[in-house]
Amino acid sequence: MKYFKCLSICMILLGLSVPMVWAQAKDQKPVKVLTGEQLYAINCSRCHTERYPTERTSAQWKTILMHMRVRANIPADQAKKILKYLQENN
């Protein structure tokens, strides 16, 4: 368990995608599921400063995220969570 936490922290520091859920033993409860807001902060701040969700419309965020998903190699499930966060908070 400690190995996976350390690995996830190292991945964040290196700017790599982080698994959605840390591995866990049968007798342990789930440790961490990243929210759309956290995924946005992790993925988008790798290359530039974060933008406020209110700076764009829902349609603009969708277009931007489609483009950045390819450039930043963001997995589809994470991209959906990020887009949901941006559109719900714009």
C-alpha atoms as a PDB file:
ATOM      1  CA  MET A   1       0.000   0.000   0.000  1.00  0.00           C
ATOM      2  CA  LYS A   2       2.778   2.425   0.899  1.00  0.00           C
ATOM      3  CA  TYR A   3       4.428   1.676  -2.442  1.00  0.00           C
ATOM      4  CA  PHE A   4       1.352   2.804  -4.388  1.00  0.00           C
ATOM      5  CA  LYS A   5       0.985   6.016  -2.379  1.00  0.00           C
ATOM      6  CA  CYS A   6       4.660   6.837  -2.973  1.00  0.00           C
ATOM      7  CA  LEU A   7       4.320   5.993  -6.656  1.00  0.00           C
ATOM      8  CA  SER A   8       1.261   8.245  -7.007  1.00  0.00           C
ATOM      9  CA  ILE A   9       3.008  11.138  -5.266  1.00  0.00           C
ATOM     10  CA  CYS A  10       6.052  10.720  -7.516  1.00  0.00           C
ATOM     11  CA  MET A  11       3.803  10.663 -10.587  1.00  0.00           C
ATOM     12  CA  ILE A  12       2.140  13.916  -9.514  1.00  0.00           C
ATOM     13  CA  LEU A  13       5.520  15.572  -8.942  1.00  0.00           C
ATOM     14  CA  LEU A  14       6.704  14.431 -12.377  1.00  0.00           C
ATOM     15  CA  GLY A  15       3.495  15.674 -14.004  1.00  0.00           C
ATOM     16  CA  LEU A  16       2.247  12.247 -15.044  1.00  0.00           C
ATOM     17  CA  SER A  17      -1.329  11.006 -14.960  1.00  0.00           C
ATOM     18  CA  VAL A  18      -2.319   9.543 -11.603  1.00  0.00           C
ATOM     19  CA  PRO A  19      -4.415   6.369 -11.333  1.00  0.00           C
ATOM     20  CA  MET A  20      -8.024   7.067 -10.308  1.00  0.00           C
ATOM     21  CA  VAL A  21      -7.892   4.774  -7.253  1.00  0.00           C
ATOM     22  CA  TRP A  22      -4.873   3.651  -5.289  1.00  0.00           C
ATOM     23  CA  ALA A  23      -4.467  -0.101  -4.996  1.00  0.00           C
ATOM     24  CA  GLN A  24      -5.801  -1.613  -1.820  1.00  0.00           C
ATOM     25  CA  ALA A  25      -5.864  -4.870   0.089  1.00  0.00           C
ATOM     26  CA  LYS A  26      -9.144  -6.707   0.699  1.00  0.00           C
ATOM     27  CA  ASP A  27      -9.277  -5.708   4.362  1.00  0.00           C
ATOM     28  CA  GLN A  28      -8.747  -2.001   3.643  1.00  0.00           C
ATOM     29  CA  LYS A  29     -11.289   0.559   2.481  1.00  0.00           C
ATOM     30  CA  PRO A  30     -10.711   2.676  -0.672  1.00  0.00           C
ATOM     31  CA  VAL A  31      -8.091   5.338  -0.082  1.00  0.00           C
ATOM     32  CA  LYS A  32      -8.504   8.051  -2.692  1.00  0.00           C
ATOM     33  CA  VAL A  33     -10.632   8.865  -5.726  1.00  0.00           C
ATOM     34  CA  LEU A  34      -9.664  12.091  -7.459  1.00  0.00           C
ATOM     35  CA  THR A  35     -12.376  14.654  -8.208  1.00  0.00           C
ATOM     36  CA  GLY A  36     -12.726  16.629 -11.425  1.00  0.00           C
ATOM     37  CA  GLU A  37     -11.335  19.681  -9.655  1.00  0.00           C
ATOM     38  CA  GLN A  38      -8.259  17.785  -8.452  1.00  0.00           C
ATOM     39  CA  LEU A  39      -7.687  16.253 -11.878  1.00  0.00           C
ATOM     40  CA  TYR A  40      -7.994  19.700 -13.447  1.00  0.00           C
ATOM     41  CA  ALA A  41      -5.401  21.096 -11.052  1.00  0.00           C
ATOM     42  CA  ILE A  42      -3.005  18.181 -11.598  1.00  0.00           C
ATOM     43  CA  ASN A  43      -3.238  17.994 -15.388  1.00  0.00           C
ATOM     44  CA  CYS A  44      -3.640  21.630 -16.396  1.00  0.00           C
ATOM     45  CA  SER A  45      -1.101  23.229 -14.086  1.00  0.00           C
ATOM     46  CA  ARG A  46       1.666  21.088 -15.568  1.00  0.00           C
ATOM     47  CA  CYS A  47       2.085  23.507 -18.462  1.00  0.00           C
ATOM     48  CA  HIS A  48       0.279  26.737 -17.611  1.00  0.00           C
ATOM     49  CA  THR A  49      -1.576  28.564 -14.879  1.00  0.00           C
ATOM     50  CA  GLU A  50      -5.068  27.357 -14.128  1.00  0.00           C
ATOM     51  CA  ARG A  51      -8.013  29.244 -15.550  1.00  0.00           C
ATOM     52  CA  TYR A  52     -11.178  29.879 -13.581  1.00  0.00           C
ATOM     53  CA  PRO A  53     -14.150  27.791 -14.742  1.00  0.00           C
ATOM     54  CA  THR A  54     -16.127  31.029 -15.109  1.00  0.00           C
ATOM     55  CA  GLU A  55     -13.773  32.323 -17.828  1.00  0.00           C
ATOM     56  CA  ARG A  56     -15.352  30.149 -20.537  1.00  0.00           C
ATOM     57  CA  THR A  57     -18.763  28.846 -21.553  1.00  0.00           C
ATOM     58  CA  SER A  58     -19.660  25.155 -21.386  1.00  0.00           C
ATOM     59  CA  ALA A  59     -19.200  24.828 -25.154  1.00  0.00           C
ATOM     60  CA  GLN A  60     -15.803  26.541 -25.027  1.00  0.00           C
ATOM     61  CA  TRP A  61     -14.618  24.257 -22.215  1.00  0.00           C
ATOM     62  CA  LYS A  62     -15.695  21.220 -24.236  1.00  0.00           C
ATOM     63  CA  THR A  63     -13.677  22.358 -27.262  1.00  0.00           C
ATOM     64  CA  ILE A  64     -10.638  23.266 -25.155  1.00  0.00           C
ATOM     65  CA  LEU A  65     -10.732  19.977 -23.270  1.00  0.00           C
ATOM     66  CA  MET A  66     -10.981  17.926 -26.486  1.00  0.00           C
ATOM     67  CA  HIS A  67      -7.838  19.676 -27.744  1.00  0.00           C
ATOM     68  CA  MET A  68      -5.939  19.491 -24.461  1.00  0.00           C
ATOM     69  CA  ARG A  69      -6.892  15.861 -23.876  1.00  0.00           C
ATOM     70  CA  VAL A  70      -4.840  14.958 -26.937  1.00  0.00           C
ATOM     71  CA  ARG A  71      -1.950  17.321 -26.145  1.00  0.00           C
ATOM     72  CA  ALA A  72      -1.715  16.371 -22.460  1.00  0.00           C
ATOM     73  CA  ASN A  73      -2.575  12.683 -22.972  1.00  0.00           C
ATOM     74  CA  ILE A  74      -5.448  12.783 -20.458  1.00  0.00           C
ATOM     75  CA  PRO A  75      -7.406   9.509 -20.181  1.00  0.00           C
ATOM     76  CA  ALA A  76     -11.064   9.635 -21.251  1.00  0.00           C
ATOM     77  CA  ASP A  77     -12.481   8.951 -17.784  1.00  0.00           C
ATOM     78  CA  GLN A  78     -10.409  11.764 -16.274  1.00  0.00           C
ATOM     79  CA  ALA A  79     -11.329  14.139 -19.118  1.00  0.00           C
ATOM     80  CA  LYS A  80     -15.033  13.506 -18.458  1.00  0.00           C
ATOM     81  CA  LYS A  81     -14.612  14.373 -14.777  1.00  0.00           C
ATOM     82  CA  ILE A  82     -12.628  17.515 -15.605  1.00  0.00           C
ATOM     83  CA  LEU A  83     -15.217  18.659 -18.165  1.00  0.00           C
ATOM     84  CA  LYS A  84     -18.061  18.021 -15.735  1.00  0.00           C
ATOM     85  CA  TYR A  85     -16.277  20.127 -13.081  1.00  0.00           C
ATOM     86  CA  LEU A  86     -15.642  22.986 -15.514  1.00  0.00           C
ATOM     87  CA  GLN A  87     -19.156  23.021 -16.931  1.00  0.00           C
ATOM     88  CA  GLU A  88     -20.847  22.802 -13.537  1.00  0.00           C
ATOM     89  CA  ASN A  89     -18.778  25.701 -12.206  1.00  0.00           C
ATOM     90  CA  ASN A  90     -18.765  28.099 -15.168  1.00  0.00           C
END
